[in-house]
């Protein structure tokens, strides 16, 4: 019996020593969140094994302090 693609993905990340977090924000998938230098990656793995990957690329410059959090929260409200 072959393993599910979710476990294959986690084994790849573990082998590469890439940290990740698992989440469940949709009932039909498991979210694997990965952060590496300059990138944040969200991988939704579905029950049927297919994956949807979103990658957010940017620099890691400091953009502000507590006031920046306030403006981000205000934009999201």
PDB file of N, CA and C in Angstrom:
ATOM      1  N   UNK A   1       0.854  -1.188   0.000  1.00  0.00           N
ATOM      2  CA  UNK A   1       0.000   0.000   0.000  1.00  0.00           C
ATOM      3  C   UNK A   1       0.894   1.243   0.000  1.00  0.00           C
ATOM      4  N   UNK A   2       0.627   2.159  -0.907  1.00  0.00           N
ATOM      5  CA  UNK A   2       1.434   3.375  -0.980  1.00  0.00           C
ATOM      6  C   UNK A   2       0.931   4.387   0.050  1.00  0.00           C
ATOM      7  N   UNK A   3       1.831   5.285   0.447  1.00  0.00           N
ATOM      8  CA  UNK A   3       1.434   6.287   1.424  1.00  0.00           C
ATOM      9  C   UNK A   3       0.722   7.450   0.736  1.00  0.00           C
ATOM     10  N   UNK A   4      -0.016   8.186   1.498  1.00  0.00           N
ATOM     11  CA  UNK A   4      -0.748   9.348   0.984  1.00  0.00           C
ATOM     12  C   UNK A   4       0.250  10.458   0.657  1.00  0.00           C
ATOM     13  N   UNK A   5      -0.022  11.257  -0.370  1.00  0.00           N
ATOM     14  CA  UNK A   5       0.881  12.352  -0.730  1.00  0.00           C
ATOM     15  C   UNK A   5       1.195  13.317   0.424  1.00  0.00           C
ATOM     16  N   UNK A   6       0.283  13.462   1.384  1.00  0.00           N
ATOM     17  CA  UNK A   6       0.568  14.313   2.534  1.00  0.00           C
ATOM     18  C   UNK A   6       1.787  13.798   3.287  1.00  0.00           C
ATOM     19  N   UNK A   7       1.827  12.500   3.527  1.00  0.00           N
ATOM     20  CA  UNK A   7       2.944  11.928   4.257  1.00  0.00           C
ATOM     21  C   UNK A   7       4.229  11.967   3.435  1.00  0.00           C
ATOM     22  N   UNK A   8       4.111  11.812   2.133  1.00  0.00           N
ATOM     23  CA  UNK A   8       5.287  11.923   1.267  1.00  0.00           C
ATOM     24  C   UNK A   8       5.854  13.343   1.324  1.00  0.00           C
ATOM     25  N   UNK A   9       4.978  14.344   1.320  1.00  0.00           N
ATOM     26  CA  UNK A   9       5.405  15.734   1.425  1.00  0.00           C
ATOM     27  C   UNK A   9       6.107  15.972   2.757  1.00  0.00           C
ATOM     28  N   UNK A  10       5.513  15.505   3.851  1.00  0.00           N
ATOM     29  CA  UNK A  10       6.112  15.712   5.167  1.00  0.00           C
ATOM     30  C   UNK A  10       7.474  15.023   5.267  1.00  0.00           C
ATOM     31  N   UNK A  11       7.612  13.855   4.668  1.00  0.00           N
ATOM     32  CA  UNK A  11       8.902  13.162   4.673  1.00  0.00           C
ATOM     33  C   UNK A  11       9.953  13.959   3.899  1.00  0.00           C
ATOM     34  N   UNK A  12       9.557  14.562   2.767  1.00  0.00           N
ATOM     35  CA  UNK A  12      10.487  15.402   2.001  1.00  0.00           C
ATOM     36  C   UNK A  12      10.947  16.591   2.836  1.00  0.00           C
ATOM     37  N   UNK A  13      10.003  17.249   3.492  1.00  0.00           N
ATOM     38  CA  UNK A  13      10.342  18.405   4.314  1.00  0.00           C
ATOM     39  C   UNK A  13      11.222  17.998   5.489  1.00  0.00           C
ATOM     40  N   UNK A  14      10.877  16.891   6.133  1.00  0.00           N
ATOM     41  CA  UNK A  14      11.690  16.397   7.249  1.00  0.00           C
ATOM     42  C   UNK A  14      13.106  16.073   6.788  1.00  0.00           C
ATOM     43  N   UNK A  15      13.225  15.397   5.665  1.00  0.00           N
ATOM     44  CA  UNK A  15      14.543  15.028   5.140  1.00  0.00           C
ATOM     45  C   UNK A  15      15.392  16.255   4.838  1.00  0.00           C
ATOM     46  N   UNK A  16      14.745  17.317   4.372  1.00  0.00           N
ATOM     47  CA  UNK A  16      15.449  18.562   4.060  1.00  0.00           C
ATOM     48  C   UNK A  16      15.617  19.452   5.301  1.00  0.00           C
ATOM     49  N   UNK A  17      15.108  18.982   6.429  1.00  0.00           N
ATOM     50  CA  UNK A  17      15.146  19.733   7.689  1.00  0.00           C
ATOM     51  C   UNK A  17      14.491  21.102   7.558  1.00  0.00           C
ATOM     52  N   UNK A  18      13.365  21.102   6.869  1.00  0.00           N
ATOM     53  CA  UNK A  18      12.566  22.317   6.707  1.00  0.00           C
ATOM     54  C   UNK A  18      11.403  22.243   7.691  1.00  0.00           C
ATOM     55  N   UNK A  19      11.320  23.249   8.554  1.00  0.00           N
ATOM     56  CA  UNK A  19      10.244  23.280   9.546  1.00  0.00           C
ATOM     57  C   UNK A  19       8.919  23.620   8.878  1.00  0.00           C
ATOM     58  N   UNK A  20       7.849  23.092   9.432  1.00  0.00           N
ATOM     59  CA  UNK A  20       6.510  23.347   8.902  1.00  0.00           C
ATOM     60  C   UNK A  20       5.508  23.282  10.039  1.00  0.00           C
ATOM     61  N   UNK A  21       4.324  23.787   9.771  1.00  0.00           N
ATOM     62  CA  UNK A  21       3.211  23.702  10.711  1.00  0.00           C
ATOM     63  C   UNK A  21       2.010  23.165   9.953  1.00  0.00           C
ATOM     64  N   UNK A  22       1.230  22.360  10.622  1.00  0.00           N
ATOM     65  CA  UNK A  22       0.019  21.801  10.021  1.00  0.00           C
ATOM     66  C   UNK A  22      -1.197  22.552  10.553  1.00  0.00           C
ATOM     67  N   UNK A  23      -2.150  22.777   9.693  1.00  0.00           N
ATOM     68  CA  UNK A  23      -3.374  23.450  10.089  1.00  0.00           C
ATOM     69  C   UNK A  23      -4.559  22.870   9.352  1.00  0.00           C
ATOM     70  N   UNK A  24      -5.719  23.177   9.856  1.00  0.00           N
ATOM     71  CA  UNK A  24      -6.941  22.696   9.219  1.00  0.00           C
ATOM     72  C   UNK A  24      -7.914  23.851   9.154  1.00  0.00           C
ATOM     73  N   UNK A  25      -7.948  24.549   8.022  1.00  0.00           N
ATOM     74  CA  UNK A  25      -8.801  25.718   7.868  1.00  0.00           C
ATOM     75  C   UNK A  25      -9.979  25.447   6.945  1.00  0.00           C
ATOM     76  N   UNK A  26      -9.903  24.335   6.232  1.00  0.00           N
ATOM     77  CA  UNK A  26     -10.997  23.909   5.350  1.00  0.00           C
ATOM     78  C   UNK A  26     -11.243  22.438   5.622  1.00  0.00           C
ATOM     79  N   UNK A  27     -12.486  22.011   5.619  1.00  0.00           N
ATOM     80  CA  UNK A  27     -12.774  20.619   5.969  1.00  0.00           C
ATOM     81  C   UNK A  27     -12.237  19.598   4.967  1.00  0.00           C
ATOM     82  N   UNK A  28     -11.936  20.044   3.739  1.00  0.00           N
ATOM     83  CA  UNK A  28     -11.529  19.085   2.713  1.00  0.00           C
ATOM     84  C   UNK A  28     -10.014  19.005   2.520  1.00  0.00           C
ATOM     85  N   UNK A  29      -9.234  19.742   3.352  1.00  0.00           N
ATOM     86  CA  UNK A  29      -7.782  19.712   3.154  1.00  0.00           C
ATOM     87  C   UNK A  29      -7.027  19.947   4.457  1.00  0.00           C
ATOM     88  N   UNK A  30      -5.746  19.607   4.415  1.00  0.00           N
ATOM     89  CA  UNK A  30      -4.808  19.909   5.493  1.00  0.00           C
ATOM     90  C   UNK A  30      -3.834  20.945   4.935  1.00  0.00           C
ATOM     91  N   UNK A  31      -3.590  22.001   5.697  1.00  0.00           N
ATOM     92  CA  UNK A  31      -2.683  23.060   5.286  1.00  0.00           C
ATOM     93  C   UNK A  31      -1.303  22.804   5.881  1.00  0.00           C
ATOM     94  N   UNK A  32      -0.299  22.773   5.020  1.00  0.00           N
ATOM     95  CA  UNK A  32       1.087  22.678   5.453  1.00  0.00           C
ATOM     96  C   UNK A  32       1.706  24.053   5.200  1.00  0.00           C
ATOM     97  N   UNK A  33       2.092  24.738   6.277  1.00  0.00           N
ATOM     98  CA  UNK A  33       2.676  26.072   6.173  1.00  0.00           C
ATOM     99  C   UNK A  33       4.178  25.972   6.353  1.00  0.00           C
ATOM    100  N   UNK A  34       4.914  26.522   5.393  1.00  0.00           N
ATOM    101  CA  UNK A  34       6.371  26.460   5.392  1.00  0.00           C
ATOM    102  C   UNK A  34       6.902  27.889   5.278  1.00  0.00           C
ATOM    103  N   UNK A  35       7.925  28.192   6.073  1.00  0.00           N
ATOM    104  CA  UNK A  35       8.595  29.479   5.956  1.00  0.00           C
ATOM    105  C   UNK A  35      10.081  29.218   5.777  1.00  0.00           C
ATOM    106  N   UNK A  36      10.615  29.724   4.685  1.00  0.00           N
ATOM    107  CA  UNK A  36      12.046  29.668   4.426  1.00  0.00           C
ATOM    108  C   UNK A  36      12.486  31.100   4.107  1.00  0.00           C
ATOM    109  N   UNK A  37      13.762  31.339   4.068  1.00  0.00           N
ATOM    110  CA  UNK A  37      14.261  32.694   3.849  1.00  0.00           C
ATOM    111  C   UNK A  37      13.638  33.290   2.590  1.00  0.00           C
ATOM    112  N   UNK A  38      12.954  34.412   2.766  1.00  0.00           N
ATOM    113  CA  UNK A  38      12.369  35.127   1.647  1.00  0.00           C
ATOM    114  C   UNK A  38      11.075  34.566   1.095  1.00  0.00           C
ATOM    115  N   UNK A  39      10.546  33.503   1.699  1.00  0.00           N
ATOM    116  CA  UNK A  39       9.323  32.896   1.169  1.00  0.00           C
ATOM    117  C   UNK A  39       8.446  32.350   2.291  1.00  0.00           C
ATOM    118  N   UNK A  40       7.150  32.461   2.081  1.00  0.00           N
ATOM    119  CA  UNK A  40       6.171  31.767   2.901  1.00  0.00           C
ATOM    120  C   UNK A  40       5.361  30.931   1.929  1.00  0.00           C
ATOM    121  N   UNK A  41       5.203  29.668   2.240  1.00  0.00           N
ATOM    122  CA  UNK A  41       4.549  28.745   1.315  1.00  0.00           C
ATOM    123  C   UNK A  41       3.383  28.076   2.032  1.00  0.00           C
ATOM    124  N   UNK A  42       2.238  28.061   1.382  1.00  0.00           N
ATOM    125  CA  UNK A  42       1.048  27.377   1.902  1.00  0.00           C
ATOM    126  C   UNK A  42       0.695  26.262   0.938  1.00  0.00           C
ATOM    127  N   UNK A  43       0.661  25.048   1.457  1.00  0.00           N
ATOM    128  CA  UNK A  43       0.356  23.878   0.636  1.00  0.00           C
ATOM    129  C   UNK A  43      -0.904  23.231   1.192  1.00  0.00           C
ATOM    130  N   UNK A  44      -1.986  23.274   0.426  1.00  0.00           N
ATOM    131  CA  UNK A  44      -3.212  22.571   0.802  1.00  0.00           C
ATOM    132  C   UNK A  44      -3.155  21.185   0.180  1.00  0.00           C
ATOM    133  N   UNK A  45      -3.241  20.163   1.021  1.00  0.00           N
ATOM    134  CA  UNK A  45      -3.226  18.779   0.542  1.00  0.00           C
ATOM    135  C   UNK A  45      -4.634  18.218   0.755  1.00  0.00           C
ATOM    136  N   UNK A  46      -5.227  17.758  -0.327  1.00  0.00           N
ATOM    137  CA  UNK A  46      -6.605  17.280  -0.294  1.00  0.00           C
ATOM    138  C   UNK A  46      -6.671  15.768  -0.113  1.00  0.00           C
ATOM    139  N   UNK A  47      -7.837  15.296   0.269  1.00  0.00           N
ATOM    140  CA  UNK A  47      -8.049  13.872   0.522  1.00  0.00           C
ATOM    141  C   UNK A  47      -7.664  13.003  -0.670  1.00  0.00           C
ATOM    142  N   UNK A  48      -7.924  13.499  -1.883  1.00  0.00           N
ATOM    143  CA  UNK A  48      -7.600  12.713  -3.080  1.00  0.00           C
ATOM    144  C   UNK A  48      -6.125  12.791  -3.448  1.00  0.00           C
ATOM    145  N   UNK A  49      -5.330  13.559  -2.665  1.00  0.00           N
ATOM    146  CA  UNK A  49      -3.893  13.625  -2.877  1.00  0.00           C
ATOM    147  C   UNK A  49      -3.414  14.815  -3.678  1.00  0.00           C
ATOM    148  N   UNK A  50      -4.315  15.544  -4.340  1.00  0.00           N
ATOM    149  CA  UNK A  50      -3.826  16.694  -5.105  1.00  0.00           C
ATOM    150  C   UNK A  50      -3.475  17.833  -4.157  1.00  0.00           C
ATOM    151  N   UNK A  51      -2.597  18.698  -4.627  1.00  0.00           N
ATOM    152  CA  UNK A  51      -2.102  19.800  -3.810  1.00  0.00           C
ATOM    153  C   UNK A  51      -2.302  21.118  -4.538  1.00  0.00           C
ATOM    154  N   UNK A  52      -2.578  22.143  -3.755  1.00  0.00           N
ATOM    155  CA  UNK A  52      -2.620  23.516  -4.255  1.00  0.00           C
ATOM    156  C   UNK A  52      -1.581  24.295  -3.467  1.00  0.00           C
ATOM    157  N   UNK A  53      -0.644  24.915  -4.176  1.00  0.00           N
ATOM    158  CA  UNK A  53       0.487  25.584  -3.532  1.00  0.00           C
ATOM    159  C   UNK A  53       0.433  27.088  -3.816  1.00  0.00           C
ATOM    160  N   UNK A  54       0.534  27.877  -2.749  1.00  0.00           N
ATOM    161  CA  UNK A  54       0.648  29.332  -2.864  1.00  0.00           C
ATOM    162  C   UNK A  54       1.993  29.719  -2.269  1.00  0.00           C
ATOM    163  N   UNK A  55       2.724  30.556  -3.005  1.00  0.00           N
ATOM    164  CA  UNK A  55       4.033  30.996  -2.524  1.00  0.00           C
ATOM    165  C   UNK A  55       4.056  32.515  -2.489  1.00  0.00           C
ATOM    166  N   UNK A  56       4.478  33.041  -1.359  1.00  0.00           N
ATOM    167  CA  UNK A  56       4.562  34.479  -1.153  1.00  0.00           C
ATOM    168  C   UNK A  56       6.039  34.817  -1.001  1.00  0.00           C
ATOM    169  N   UNK A  57       6.545  35.604  -1.937  1.00  0.00           N
ATOM    170  CA  UNK A  57       7.971  35.912  -1.982  1.00  0.00           C
ATOM    171  C   UNK A  57       8.171  37.375  -1.613  1.00  0.00           C
ATOM    172  N   UNK A  58       9.189  37.627  -0.825  1.00  0.00           N
ATOM    173  CA  UNK A  58       9.497  39.005  -0.465  1.00  0.00           C
ATOM    174  C   UNK A  58      10.789  39.061   0.313  1.00  0.00           C
ATOM    175  N   UNK A  59      11.185  40.275   0.610  1.00  0.00           N
ATOM    176  CA  UNK A  59      12.400  40.417   1.408  1.00  0.00           C
ATOM    177  C   UNK A  59      12.034  40.364   2.879  1.00  0.00           C
ATOM    178  N   UNK A  60      13.015  40.384   3.714  1.00  0.00           N
ATOM    179  CA  UNK A  60      12.771  40.293   5.148  1.00  0.00           C
ATOM    180  C   UNK A  60      13.185  41.575   5.855  1.00  0.00           C
ATOM    181  N   UNK A  61      13.039  42.692   5.148  1.00  0.00           N
ATOM    182  CA  UNK A  61      13.359  43.984   5.740  1.00  0.00           C
ATOM    183  C   UNK A  61      12.364  44.313   6.846  1.00  0.00           C
ATOM    184  N   UNK A  62      12.845  44.984   7.854  1.00  0.00           N
ATOM    185  CA  UNK A  62      11.958  45.475   8.905  1.00  0.00           C
ATOM    186  C   UNK A  62      11.215  46.677   8.333  1.00  0.00           C
ATOM    187  N   UNK A  63       9.883  46.638   8.407  1.00  0.00           N
ATOM    188  CA  UNK A  63       9.065  47.686   7.803  1.00  0.00           C
ATOM    189  C   UNK A  63       8.467  48.629   8.821  1.00  0.00           C
ATOM    190  N   UNK A  64       8.563  48.315  10.098  1.00  0.00           N
ATOM    191  CA  UNK A  64       7.981  49.188  11.107  1.00  0.00           C
ATOM    192  C   UNK A  64       7.940  48.509  12.449  1.00  0.00           C
ATOM    193  N   UNK A  65       7.176  49.083  13.335  1.00  0.00           N
ATOM    194  CA  UNK A  65       7.013  48.553  14.681  1.00  0.00           C
ATOM    195  C   UNK A  65       5.546  48.293  14.967  1.00  0.00           C
ATOM    196  N   UNK A  66       5.159  48.541  16.212  1.00  0.00           N
ATOM    197  CA  UNK A  66       3.781  48.273  16.642  1.00  0.00           C
ATOM    198  C   UNK A  66       2.765  49.030  15.802  1.00  0.00           C
ATOM    199  N   UNK A  67       3.131  50.228  15.333  1.00  0.00           N
ATOM    200  CA  UNK A  67       2.193  51.022  14.532  1.00  0.00           C
ATOM    201  C   UNK A  67       1.839  50.322  13.232  1.00  0.00           C
ATOM    202  N   UNK A  68       2.758  49.519  12.706  1.00  0.00           N
ATOM    203  CA  UNK A  68       2.476  48.782  11.477  1.00  0.00           C
ATOM    204  C   UNK A  68       1.402  47.720  11.718  1.00  0.00           C
ATOM    205  N   UNK A  69       1.455  47.082  12.872  1.00  0.00           N
ATOM    206  CA  UNK A  69       0.422  46.086  13.221  1.00  0.00           C
ATOM    207  C   UNK A  69      -0.936  46.758  13.241  1.00  0.00           C
ATOM    208  N   UNK A  70      -1.015  47.947  13.848  1.00  0.00           N
ATOM    209  CA  UNK A  70      -2.281  48.672  13.915  1.00  0.00           C
ATOM    210  C   UNK A  70      -2.831  48.970  12.520  1.00  0.00           C
ATOM    211  N   UNK A  71      -1.955  49.365  11.596  1.00  0.00           N
ATOM    212  CA  UNK A  71      -2.431  49.675  10.243  1.00  0.00           C
ATOM    213  C   UNK A  71      -2.850  48.416   9.498  1.00  0.00           C
ATOM    214  N   UNK A  72      -2.163  47.302   9.729  1.00  0.00           N
ATOM    215  CA  UNK A  72      -2.554  46.038   9.095  1.00  0.00           C
ATOM    216  C   UNK A  72      -3.919  45.592   9.603  1.00  0.00           C
ATOM    217  N   UNK A  73      -4.116  45.682  10.910  1.00  0.00           N
ATOM    218  CA  UNK A  73      -5.409  45.301  11.501  1.00  0.00           C
ATOM    219  C   UNK A  73      -6.519  46.212  10.972  1.00  0.00           C
ATOM    220  N   UNK A  74      -6.225  47.498  10.857  1.00  0.00           N
ATOM    221  CA  UNK A  74      -7.240  48.443  10.354  1.00  0.00           C
ATOM    222  C   UNK A  74      -7.624  48.111   8.914  1.00  0.00           C
ATOM    223  N   UNK A  75      -6.654  47.720   8.086  1.00  0.00           N
ATOM    224  CA  UNK A  75      -6.959  47.362   6.690  1.00  0.00           C
ATOM    225  C   UNK A  75      -7.796  46.086   6.603  1.00  0.00           C
ATOM    226  N   UNK A  76      -7.557  45.171   7.529  1.00  0.00           N
ATOM    227  CA  UNK A  76      -8.273  43.886   7.490  1.00  0.00           C
ATOM    228  C   UNK A  76      -9.703  44.020   8.038  1.00  0.00           C
ATOM    229  N   UNK A  77      -9.970  45.072   8.773  1.00  0.00           N
ATOM    230  CA  UNK A  77     -11.304  45.234   9.386  1.00  0.00           C
ATOM    231  C   UNK A  77     -12.308  45.777   8.415  1.00  0.00           C
TER     232      UNK A  77
END
